[in-house]
């Protein structure tokens, strides 16, 4: 079973989304892609897909492939400045692929289907004792540019390293923008490596969103809030963003309305000959001192009419549940797909894989799309693989207001 609105590969394995760009009224989306099988391998490519929104992407040919000195093409970003487009990616070599290099590529034509590699523009600083270095993210800063790269120290310190450039060609190391040791666990544990650290400004605050890695285990996404000046991030708030075993690798982008948004990699979603999916997009804001990720308005644009009887003919639905305490269940073909019990400021989500407890604030939103379930509120996001049996979906709740929409 494939989801209808969540992006999946035609074949092979995908993981991190990255380089999401709005161009000529359409989205260009790139992603790590192992074309040779349905498990992760170091020889990642950059896959490419386009569409009017991130829920209707059409996969194209591989944009950047291993070779020419690269054994793997790992996560990076795309800078689109006027007529100039460049991909900055993590170039890796086996067997020591932990320490990558940042290399640049440019599109060969207006389709962005094929890119020509240039040189390596950034390498790990020799003065730091690192075991990992990867995932460049670039933003405009004044008349120039600033890059952030995730790094892990041998002593267990996670780093967001930073570089500056006047022209995107020459880059100078500017030190450690933010760091935290893996021994620190309050108010949230942040691991030993921040994969895909992305620092940006939002609602008058600086924010850093990243994936939490430790000893080759992928955990969850988390963030810091604070202030940023002169290349240094001063954090005053740390918090977890995702729950469950599925969501990872959030990719920050600016949507068609000029607003900041995230798309995640969904682990554990797979079918016959393919593995991996991408979440729906989430638009970001800062409210009541926390980073809030709400399903993007593009999701609501795919809704069909509200169903007062709680039934949906297909296997894709978007549900809003306004309730402080109670239980909501969703069934398919008479079998339970998910049950959510709410109370005490949190929810317990029960699927066939077991129970997960997470905080909840405000309206709880459920998006189900075939084998994908996403549950979100102003306190964070959860996702899991589910197994609807067919015969449509039926939603019921013991308390609160429930709005049930189909998705198409």
Protein backbone atom coordinates (compact mmCIF):
# COMPACT_ATOMS: atom_id res chain seq x y z
CA UNK A 1 0.00 0.00 0.00
CA UNK A 2 1.36 3.40 -0.99
CA UNK A 3 0.27 6.70 0.52
CA UNK A 4 -1.53 8.95 -1.91
CA UNK A 5 -0.21 12.32 -0.73
CA UNK A 6 3.06 11.52 1.06
CA UNK A 7 6.04 11.39 -1.27
CA UNK A 8 7.57 7.93 -1.75
CA UNK A 9 10.18 6.72 -4.27
CA UNK A 10 9.16 4.74 -7.32
CA UNK A 11 11.77 2.22 -6.19
CA UNK A 12 14.70 2.00 -3.82
CA UNK A 13 15.33 3.69 -0.49
CA UNK A 14 14.92 7.37 0.41
CA UNK A 15 15.71 9.29 3.54
CA UNK A 16 16.47 12.98 4.17
CA UNK A 17 14.55 15.61 2.19
CA UNK A 18 16.65 18.69 1.45
CA UNK A 19 17.12 21.59 -0.94
CA UNK A 20 13.36 22.29 -1.10
CA UNK A 21 12.96 25.39 -3.25
CA UNK A 22 10.05 27.34 -4.74
CA UNK A 23 10.78 28.26 -8.36
CA UNK A 24 8.40 29.60 -11.00
CA UNK A 25 5.39 28.73 -8.83
CA UNK A 26 6.46 25.10 -8.31
CA UNK A 27 8.37 23.20 -5.66
CA UNK A 28 11.70 21.55 -6.41
CA UNK A 29 12.47 18.88 -3.81
CA UNK A 30 15.64 16.84 -3.44
CA UNK A 31 16.31 13.84 -1.23
CA UNK A 32 18.85 11.16 -0.38
CA UNK A 33 18.15 8.15 -2.57
CA UNK A 34 19.70 4.69 -2.64
CA UNK A 35 18.67 3.44 -6.06
CA UNK A 36 20.06 -0.08 -5.75
CA UNK A 37 17.99 -1.45 -2.87
CA UNK A 38 15.52 -0.84 -0.06
CA UNK A 39 18.03 -0.46 2.78
CA UNK A 40 20.35 2.42 3.52
CA UNK A 41 23.82 2.29 1.97
CA UNK A 42 26.64 4.88 1.81
CA UNK A 43 26.29 5.34 -1.97
CA UNK A 44 23.44 7.84 -1.70
CA UNK A 45 22.33 9.90 -4.70
CA UNK A 46 20.39 13.15 -4.81
CA UNK A 47 16.92 12.30 -6.07
CA UNK A 48 14.71 15.06 -7.48
CA UNK A 49 10.96 15.64 -7.66
CA UNK A 50 8.75 18.59 -8.61
CA UNK A 51 5.14 19.59 -8.13
CA UNK A 52 2.72 22.45 -7.43
CA UNK A 53 2.92 21.54 -3.73
CA UNK A 54 4.79 19.00 -1.63
CA UNK A 55 1.81 16.63 -1.57
CA UNK A 56 1.73 16.12 -5.35
CA UNK A 57 5.41 15.70 -6.22
CA UNK A 58 6.39 13.83 -9.35
CA UNK A 59 9.74 12.04 -9.22
CA UNK A 60 12.27 12.83 -11.93
CA UNK A 61 15.71 11.47 -12.81
CA UNK A 62 18.59 11.38 -10.32
CA UNK A 63 20.08 14.87 -10.08
CA UNK A 64 23.53 14.10 -8.61
CA UNK A 65 25.15 10.66 -8.47
CA UNK A 66 28.29 9.20 -6.90
CA UNK A 67 31.47 9.31 -8.96
CA UNK A 68 34.04 11.96 -9.80
CA UNK A 69 35.66 11.52 -6.40
CA UNK A 70 32.43 11.02 -4.40
CA UNK A 71 31.39 7.63 -3.02
CA UNK A 72 28.20 9.14 -1.60
CA UNK A 73 26.11 12.25 -2.20
CA UNK A 74 24.67 13.07 1.22
CA UNK A 75 22.44 15.78 2.63
CA UNK A 76 22.89 19.44 1.80
CA UNK A 77 20.98 22.46 0.55
CA UNK A 78 20.19 24.48 -2.57
CA UNK A 79 20.89 28.19 -2.86
CA UNK A 80 18.78 29.90 -5.52
CA UNK A 81 19.85 33.52 -5.98
CA UNK A 82 18.31 35.11 -9.05
CA UNK A 83 19.51 33.15 -12.06
CA UNK A 84 22.22 31.40 -10.04
CA UNK A 85 21.42 28.01 -8.48
CA UNK A 86 23.91 25.89 -6.57
CA UNK A 87 23.64 22.67 -4.61
CA UNK A 88 25.96 22.35 -1.62
CA UNK A 89 26.12 18.71 -0.59
CA UNK A 90 28.04 16.40 1.74
CA UNK A 91 30.56 14.48 -0.36
CA UNK A 92 31.62 11.26 1.38
CA UNK A 93 34.21 8.56 0.81
CA UNK A 94 34.13 4.97 2.05
CA UNK A 95 35.05 3.45 4.40
CA UNK A 96 35.56 6.59 6.51
CA UNK A 97 32.35 8.37 5.56
CA UNK A 98 31.78 9.99 8.97
CA UNK A 99 33.88 13.02 8.02
CA UNK A 100 32.41 14.50 4.86
CA UNK A 101 33.35 17.48 2.72
CA UNK A 102 31.10 20.19 1.36
CA UNK A 103 31.09 20.23 -2.43
CA UNK A 104 29.15 22.37 -4.89
CA UNK A 105 27.20 21.50 -8.05
CA UNK A 106 25.29 23.57 -10.61
CA UNK A 107 22.34 22.64 -12.86
CA UNK A 108 23.12 22.00 -16.50
CA UNK A 109 19.83 23.53 -17.70
CA UNK A 110 16.57 25.09 -16.51
CA UNK A 111 14.98 21.74 -15.63
CA UNK A 112 17.32 21.16 -12.66
CA UNK A 113 17.22 17.48 -13.62
CA UNK A 114 20.98 17.18 -14.00
CA UNK A 115 23.77 18.92 -12.11
CA UNK A 116 27.49 19.29 -12.84
CA UNK A 117 29.88 18.95 -9.93
CA UNK A 118 32.36 21.64 -9.01
CA UNK A 119 35.01 21.66 -6.33
CA UNK A 120 35.10 21.09 -2.59
CA UNK A 121 34.46 24.39 -0.84
CA UNK A 122 34.60 23.42 2.86
CA UNK A 123 36.38 20.70 4.84
CA UNK A 124 36.33 19.85 8.53
CA UNK A 125 38.55 22.19 10.56
CA UNK A 126 41.80 20.43 11.44
CA UNK A 127 41.96 22.01 14.90
CA UNK A 128 38.85 20.10 16.10
CA UNK A 129 38.96 16.41 17.01
CA UNK A 130 35.83 15.29 15.14
CA UNK A 131 34.24 11.93 14.36
CA UNK A 132 31.48 13.36 12.12
CA UNK A 133 31.10 16.37 9.82
CA UNK A 134 28.17 16.77 7.43
CA UNK A 135 24.92 18.45 6.29
CA UNK A 136 25.55 22.06 5.17
CA UNK A 137 22.76 24.62 5.50
CA UNK A 138 23.22 28.11 4.01
CA UNK A 139 21.38 31.36 4.57
CA UNK A 140 21.80 34.93 3.43
CA UNK A 141 23.51 37.22 5.96
CA UNK A 142 23.76 40.89 5.04
CA UNK A 143 25.59 41.19 1.73
CA UNK A 144 27.09 37.72 2.10
CA UNK A 145 26.29 34.18 3.15
CA UNK A 146 26.59 31.98 6.22
CA UNK A 147 26.88 28.19 6.30
CA UNK A 148 26.19 25.85 9.22
CA UNK A 149 27.51 22.27 9.31
CA UNK A 150 26.79 19.54 11.84
CA UNK A 151 29.76 18.00 13.64
CA UNK A 152 30.45 15.56 16.47
CA UNK A 153 33.48 15.83 18.73
CA UNK A 154 35.27 12.73 19.91
CA UNK A 155 34.50 13.86 23.47
CA UNK A 156 30.71 13.65 22.91
CA UNK A 157 30.05 17.31 22.10
CA UNK A 158 27.56 18.15 19.37
CA UNK A 159 28.50 21.20 17.29
CA UNK A 160 26.94 23.51 14.76
CA UNK A 161 30.02 24.87 13.00
CA UNK A 162 29.79 28.00 10.88
CA UNK A 163 31.48 29.46 7.79
CA UNK A 164 31.07 32.76 5.96
CA UNK A 165 31.36 33.77 2.31
CA UNK A 166 30.98 37.01 0.36
CA UNK A 167 30.12 35.25 -2.90
CA UNK A 168 29.28 31.53 -2.34
CA UNK A 169 32.67 30.66 -3.89
CA UNK A 170 35.21 31.23 -1.12
CA UNK A 171 34.38 30.16 2.45
CA UNK A 172 36.13 30.96 5.72
CA UNK A 173 35.73 29.00 8.95
CA UNK A 174 34.13 31.19 11.63
CA UNK A 175 34.13 28.84 14.62
CA UNK A 176 31.46 27.09 16.65
CA UNK A 177 28.03 28.70 16.41
CA UNK A 178 26.46 26.45 19.06
CA UNK A 179 27.51 23.37 21.01
CA UNK A 180 26.24 21.08 23.78
CA UNK A 181 27.72 17.98 25.40
CA UNK A 182 25.81 14.73 25.24
CA UNK A 183 26.03 14.38 29.04
CA UNK A 184 23.57 17.27 29.42
CA UNK A 185 20.05 15.87 29.68
CA UNK A 186 17.90 18.68 31.05
CA UNK A 187 15.48 19.91 29.90
CA UNK A 188 16.04 17.61 26.89
CA UNK A 189 18.86 15.39 25.71
CA UNK A 190 20.43 16.62 22.45
CA UNK A 191 22.77 13.74 21.58
CA UNK A 192 26.38 13.75 20.37
CA UNK A 193 25.78 14.94 16.79
CA UNK A 194 23.28 17.38 15.32
CA UNK A 195 22.47 16.13 11.86
CA UNK A 196 21.10 18.85 9.58
CA UNK A 197 21.47 21.77 12.06
CA UNK A 198 19.51 24.69 10.62
CA UNK A 199 19.67 28.11 12.27
CA UNK A 200 17.15 30.76 11.28
CA UNK A 201 15.20 33.76 12.56
CA UNK A 202 11.51 33.51 13.38
CA UNK A 203 9.12 35.86 15.18
CA UNK A 204 11.95 37.87 16.70
CA UNK A 205 13.87 34.82 17.96
CA UNK A 206 16.74 32.71 16.68
CA UNK A 207 15.93 29.01 16.28
CA UNK A 208 18.07 25.92 15.66
CA UNK A 209 16.32 22.75 14.46
CA UNK A 210 18.24 19.50 14.11
CA UNK A 211 18.15 15.72 14.24
CA UNK A 212 19.54 14.01 17.32
CA UNK A 213 22.17 11.30 16.66
CA UNK A 214 24.33 9.28 19.02
CA UNK A 215 26.56 6.28 18.35
CA UNK A 216 24.91 5.51 14.98
CA UNK A 217 21.41 5.60 16.49
CA UNK A 218 18.88 8.06 15.05
CA UNK A 219 16.62 9.43 17.80
CA UNK A 220 14.29 12.39 17.12
CA UNK A 221 14.18 16.05 16.10
CA UNK A 222 14.67 18.81 18.66
CA UNK A 223 15.33 22.54 18.73
CA UNK A 224 16.85 25.47 20.59
CA UNK A 225 15.56 29.02 20.85
CA UNK A 226 17.62 32.07 21.75
CA UNK A 227 19.55 34.86 20.06
CA UNK A 228 22.08 34.90 17.24
CA UNK A 229 24.71 37.56 16.57
CA UNK A 230 28.22 37.65 15.12
CA UNK A 231 28.10 33.97 14.27
CA UNK A 232 27.18 32.79 17.76
CA UNK A 233 23.90 31.30 18.96
CA UNK A 234 23.06 31.89 22.64
CA UNK A 235 20.40 29.32 23.57
CA UNK A 236 17.93 29.94 26.39
CA UNK A 237 15.37 27.22 25.59
CA UNK A 238 15.81 23.57 24.49
CA UNK A 239 12.92 21.29 23.62
CA UNK A 240 12.00 18.13 21.77
CA UNK A 241 9.97 18.52 18.56
CA UNK A 242 9.06 14.94 17.52
CA UNK A 243 7.99 11.69 19.15
CA UNK A 244 7.85 8.11 17.94
CA UNK A 245 10.31 6.14 15.82
CA UNK A 246 9.38 7.59 12.43
CA UNK A 247 10.05 11.33 12.19
CA UNK A 248 13.65 12.40 11.57
CA UNK A 249 15.76 14.75 9.43
CA UNK A 250 13.59 17.90 9.34
CA UNK A 251 14.38 20.04 6.30
CA UNK A 252 13.81 23.78 6.60
CA UNK A 253 12.55 25.70 3.58
CA UNK A 254 10.71 28.88 2.67
CA UNK A 255 7.28 28.11 1.24
CA UNK A 256 5.47 29.79 -1.66
CA UNK A 257 4.08 32.42 0.75
CA UNK A 258 7.54 33.27 2.07
CA UNK A 259 6.95 31.48 5.39
CA UNK A 260 9.33 29.05 7.15
CA UNK A 261 8.33 25.39 6.97
CA UNK A 262 9.67 21.87 7.62
CA UNK A 263 9.36 18.51 5.93
CA UNK A 264 10.59 15.34 7.68
CA UNK A 265 11.83 11.94 6.62
CA UNK A 266 9.41 9.20 7.73
CA UNK A 267 11.15 5.98 8.77
CA UNK A 268 9.38 2.63 8.75
CA UNK A 269 7.11 3.35 5.76
CA UNK A 270 7.75 0.83 2.99
CA UNK A 271 6.20 -1.35 0.35
CA UNK A 272 7.11 -3.73 -2.44
CA UNK A 273 10.43 -2.52 -3.86
CA UNK A 274 10.47 0.86 -2.11
CA UNK A 275 11.22 2.20 1.38
CA UNK A 276 10.93 5.62 3.01
CA UNK A 277 8.52 8.52 2.74
CA UNK A 278 8.39 12.22 3.45
CA UNK A 279 5.98 13.85 5.87
CA UNK A 280 3.43 16.46 4.97
CA UNK A 281 4.94 19.95 5.22
CA UNK A 282 4.60 21.87 8.48
CA UNK A 283 4.55 25.64 8.79
CA UNK A 284 6.46 27.10 11.73
CA UNK A 285 5.77 29.80 14.30
CA UNK A 286 6.87 30.65 17.83
CA UNK A 287 3.99 30.83 20.29
CA UNK A 288 3.98 30.86 24.08
CA UNK A 289 7.73 30.40 24.15
CA UNK A 290 7.86 27.23 22.02
CA UNK A 291 8.41 26.34 18.37
CA UNK A 292 5.07 25.26 16.89
CA UNK A 293 4.82 23.09 13.75
CA UNK A 294 1.33 22.92 12.27
CA UNK A 295 0.34 21.05 9.10
CA UNK A 296 0.85 23.38 6.15
CA UNK A 297 -2.19 25.08 4.57
CA UNK A 298 -1.49 23.01 1.44
CA UNK A 299 -2.75 19.98 3.38
CA UNK A 300 -6.12 21.64 4.00
CA UNK A 301 -6.28 22.51 0.31
CA UNK A 302 -6.55 18.77 -0.40
CA UNK A 303 -9.52 18.27 1.93
CA UNK A 304 -12.88 17.08 0.71
CA UNK A 305 -16.09 18.11 2.49
CA UNK A 306 -16.40 17.54 6.23
CA UNK A 307 -18.18 14.29 7.13
CA UNK A 308 -20.55 14.71 10.10
CA UNK A 309 -20.90 10.93 10.45
CA UNK A 310 -17.15 10.51 10.90
CA UNK A 311 -16.77 8.27 7.84
CA UNK A 312 -14.33 8.62 4.95
CA UNK A 313 -14.74 6.52 1.82
CA UNK A 314 -11.02 6.25 1.08
CA UNK A 315 -7.93 5.69 3.23
CA UNK A 316 -6.79 9.32 3.50
CA UNK A 317 -8.24 11.71 6.07
CA UNK A 318 -7.46 14.94 7.91
CA UNK A 319 -9.04 15.12 11.39
CA UNK A 320 -9.19 17.92 13.96
CA UNK A 321 -10.03 16.97 17.54
CA UNK A 322 -10.70 19.74 20.06
CA UNK A 323 -10.81 18.08 23.46
CA UNK A 324 -9.15 18.25 26.90
CA UNK A 325 -9.91 14.72 28.03
CA UNK A 326 -11.35 11.75 26.18
CA UNK A 327 -10.60 9.09 23.58
CA UNK A 328 -10.65 9.15 19.78
CA UNK A 329 -10.51 6.00 17.69
CA UNK A 330 -10.13 5.37 13.97
CA UNK A 331 -11.02 2.04 12.39
CA UNK A 332 -10.77 0.60 8.90
CA UNK A 333 -12.72 -2.41 7.74
CA UNK A 334 -13.76 -3.00 11.33
CA UNK A 335 -10.14 -3.13 12.57
CA UNK A 336 -8.64 -0.51 14.87
CA UNK A 337 -6.05 1.70 13.15
CA UNK A 338 -5.30 4.15 15.98
CA UNK A 339 -6.65 5.11 19.40
CA UNK A 340 -5.72 8.35 21.10
CA UNK A 341 -6.44 8.96 24.78
CA UNK A 342 -6.10 12.56 25.92
CA UNK A 343 -5.81 13.91 29.44
CA UNK A 344 -3.41 15.53 31.87
CA UNK A 345 -1.77 17.71 29.22
CA UNK A 346 -0.76 14.83 26.97
CA UNK A 347 -1.95 12.01 24.77
CA UNK A 348 -1.28 8.30 24.46
CA UNK A 349 -1.24 7.13 20.84
CA UNK A 350 -1.88 3.41 20.35
CA UNK A 351 -1.23 1.72 17.01
CA UNK A 352 -0.42 -1.84 16.04
CA UNK A 353 3.22 -1.12 16.94
CA UNK A 354 2.38 -0.20 20.55
CA UNK A 355 1.83 2.89 22.70
CA UNK A 356 3.61 6.26 22.64
CA UNK A 357 3.07 9.05 25.18
CA UNK A 358 3.60 12.62 24.10
CA UNK A 359 2.57 16.10 25.23
CA UNK A 360 -0.36 17.86 23.57
CA UNK A 361 -1.50 21.46 23.49
CA UNK A 362 -4.49 22.91 21.67
CA UNK A 363 -6.25 21.04 18.90
CA UNK A 364 -4.92 17.56 18.09
CA UNK A 365 -4.60 17.01 14.34
CA UNK A 366 -4.51 13.55 12.76
CA UNK A 367 -3.49 12.96 9.17
CA UNK A 368 -3.79 9.41 7.86
CA UNK A 369 -2.77 8.53 4.32
CA UNK A 370 -2.87 4.78 3.74
CA UNK A 371 0.09 3.40 5.73
CA UNK A 372 1.11 6.80 7.20
CA UNK A 373 -0.22 8.36 10.40
CA UNK A 374 0.84 11.81 11.60
CA UNK A 375 -0.46 13.30 14.86
CA UNK A 376 0.36 16.89 15.77
CA UNK A 377 -0.50 19.62 18.24
CA UNK A 378 1.18 22.81 19.36
CA UNK A 379 3.42 20.66 21.62
CA UNK A 380 5.01 18.58 18.85
CA UNK A 381 4.59 15.99 16.13
CA UNK A 382 4.31 12.18 16.09
CA UNK A 383 4.28 9.74 13.16
CA UNK A 384 4.04 5.98 12.68
CA UNK A 385 3.27 3.32 10.13
CA UNK A 386 -0.28 1.93 10.32
CA UNK A 387 -2.23 -0.76 8.48
CA UNK A 388 -5.75 0.25 7.42
CA UNK A 389 -7.54 -2.78 5.98
CA UNK A 390 -9.72 -1.11 3.38
CA UNK A 391 -13.39 -0.25 3.33
CA UNK A 392 -12.75 3.38 4.23
CA UNK A 393 -12.17 4.95 7.64
CA UNK A 394 -14.54 5.47 10.55
CA UNK A 395 -13.76 7.99 13.30
CA UNK A 396 -15.46 8.31 16.68
CA UNK A 397 -14.69 10.18 19.92
CA UNK A 398 -16.00 10.02 23.48
CA UNK A 399 -15.74 13.78 24.01
CA UNK A 400 -14.95 17.05 22.26
CA UNK A 401 -15.56 18.38 18.78
CA UNK A 402 -14.32 16.28 15.87
CA UNK A 403 -14.03 17.45 12.26
CA UNK A 404 -13.36 14.69 9.74
CA UNK A 405 -12.27 15.51 6.19
CA UNK A 406 -11.27 13.20 3.40
CA UNK A 407 -8.06 13.96 1.49
CA UNK A 408 -7.67 13.79 -2.28
